[in-house]
Structure formats: structure tokens, C-alpha cells
Amino acid sequence: MTTTAIPPEAKRAPATAPKRRPRRERQGAAWVFLSPWVLGATVLTLLPMAVSLYLSFTDYDLFNPPKWVGLRNYVQMFTEDPRYWRSVVTTLTYVVIAVPLQLALALVVALALKGMKRGKAFYRSAFYAPSLLGASMSIALVWRAVFNDGGTVDNLLGTGGWVNKPGFALLAVALLTVWQFGAPMVIFLAGLQQIPAELYEAAAVDGAGKWRQFLSVTVPMLSPVLFFNLVLQTIQAFQVFTPAFAISAGKGGPADSTLVYTMYLYDRGFVASHMGYASAMAWVLLVVIGVVTAVLFRTSRSWVFYASEGDR
């Protein structure tokens, strides 16, 4: 019996797993790709925020070096400036009017578009267009002309120019924001399309009408989307500037009825050259928005329904 020798070249080395790069090398590659974002966030966001926080404790007029004054800007803001508090009340009133009306209109239009068989894409684009155009100064000036003396609203209703009446000027500003309902409408429409049709069929079998189906099926299933839109639009409403500035011609009138917070901040910082005071106002606004957002998240536990977590 003979045996055949196996040539050395026929012997194969056992398969080995590909060699992984060192962890430090992989982290270095990640930082290379992240560096543009990190640089942009540092230079354009974090550094200006740090400078603004420092200036809020100083007396700075844009022309002379800042002088440290401690908490004087904050004390003056809360105890010695009645116009500041008028801007706070005006902004809160604007938020209470504009946000609910905008979300309600967006939801109604989204419900109407959901049931459409033809032309849905056209109407969706048409209703979304104001969200792209409404933030511009040109549209705000047109809106001012519509609500001014002799404008369209005056000719139709005979109520005179809204922009010249303290009781109506802020409503004109809010309606411009409500008109820009396209963005939340698109989000609502996407959420409505994700609700299973079986839920409506089961509700109909149980005898629920359209209104009952809306309250018992649509609202609970759409509550996460509603919460998202509520937080987003509330944050944007606290920062409103362009509509109020254009409609009031940059003065916040009549009788400070359109003097929203950001406009008064602009007036203190760039008109009166009290940049330290304006920086303090900006940080107070940041804190207030953070607190309001936290409250919304806290209260959402009682009314926002997540299907993956079951009924709360």
C-alpha cells in the first residue's frame, strides 16, 4: 500500500478573520467626517452663545468696551422696565391666539385632503406654499396693505384698518402666522395616512359616527403628531419677529399692541445700542422656551398615546 504525499504548495493556511483597524484610527476617521459640523456648531452657535451670556452681565453699547455690571440688566428688566412686561404680555397673547388657530386649521385641511381622490398632490403643494413665502418681509408688507386703511379687509368688512387699531393689530399679525399652516398640515396628513383603516371600520361596526370616530380614533392615534406640531409651533411663536416688525413699521404700535418680545429685544440692542440688556433679554427668552417645552413634555404623559407602549 502506497501513500501519496501532499505537495507543500497544496497545503492551505487556515482562514483568518479580516484584521480590524485600531480603535484610535477608527475614532480619528469619525472625527474627520464630523469636523465640519463640530466646527460650524462651535463657531456659529456655541461661541456666540458664550459671548452673549457674558455680555448679558455687562453694559455694552457696540462702540465702547463692555463694562461688567453683574445682575443689573436682569434687575432692571424685571423691576424697572414696564415696556418689557408689555412685550411679555403681547407675546403670550400672540402665542395663545396663533398656535391653536394654526394647528386647528392645519388639521382640518389635512382631514379634507386625506379624503380626496384626485388632485391631492396639487392642493398639498398649494397649501404648503404659504409656509415657504409667509416668513418673507415682502409678504408681511403685502399683509399690512391688506389690513390697512382702505385695504381689502376694510373694503369687505368696513371695520377700518386693523393695523391702526390696538385691539386688532395683534390679531392681524396672528392671522399671518395662521395663514402659514402648510408645514404642520403636511405633518398631520402624513400622520393621518398611518392610522389603520381597520380601526375606523371597527368603530363604525360599534355604531360610532364620524364625530365619535374622530374623537375616539383619530385624535388618540394622531396625538404624537399633534404633540410634535404643538412643541414646534410654540417655540416658533415665541420667536416671532418679521410679521410684527413689518405690520407695525418697526415701532410695535399702535400703543405697543404689536410689541412682541423679539422686537423689543431688537429695539434695545440695535436701536438703543443697549446690547448687554438685549443679551439678557435673549437668555431670559431661552430659559422661558426651555421651561415651556419641559412643561409640554411633562403634561404629554396624560394625553399622548403611543401604540407601542399601550394606552397610558
Foldseek 3Di string as FASTA:
>chain_A
DDDDDDDPVVDDDDDDDDDDDDPVVVVVVVCVVCVVVVVCCVPVPVVVLVVLVQLLQWFFQPPDDTHGNGCVLVCCLVPPDVLLVLQVVLLVVLLVPQQVLLLVVLLVVLVVLLPDDPDSVVVLVVQQVLLVVLLDLVNLLVLLQQQAAVHVCCVVPVPHRQLADLVRNSVSLSVSSSSNSSVLSVLLNVQVVPFDVVLVVVCVVVPDDPVRCCVPGVCQSCQVSVLVSSLVVSLVSLVDDSNLCNNNVLPCDDVVSSNHLVSVLCCCCPVVSRSSSSSNSVVVSVVVSVVVSVVSVVVVVVRHHDVVVDDD
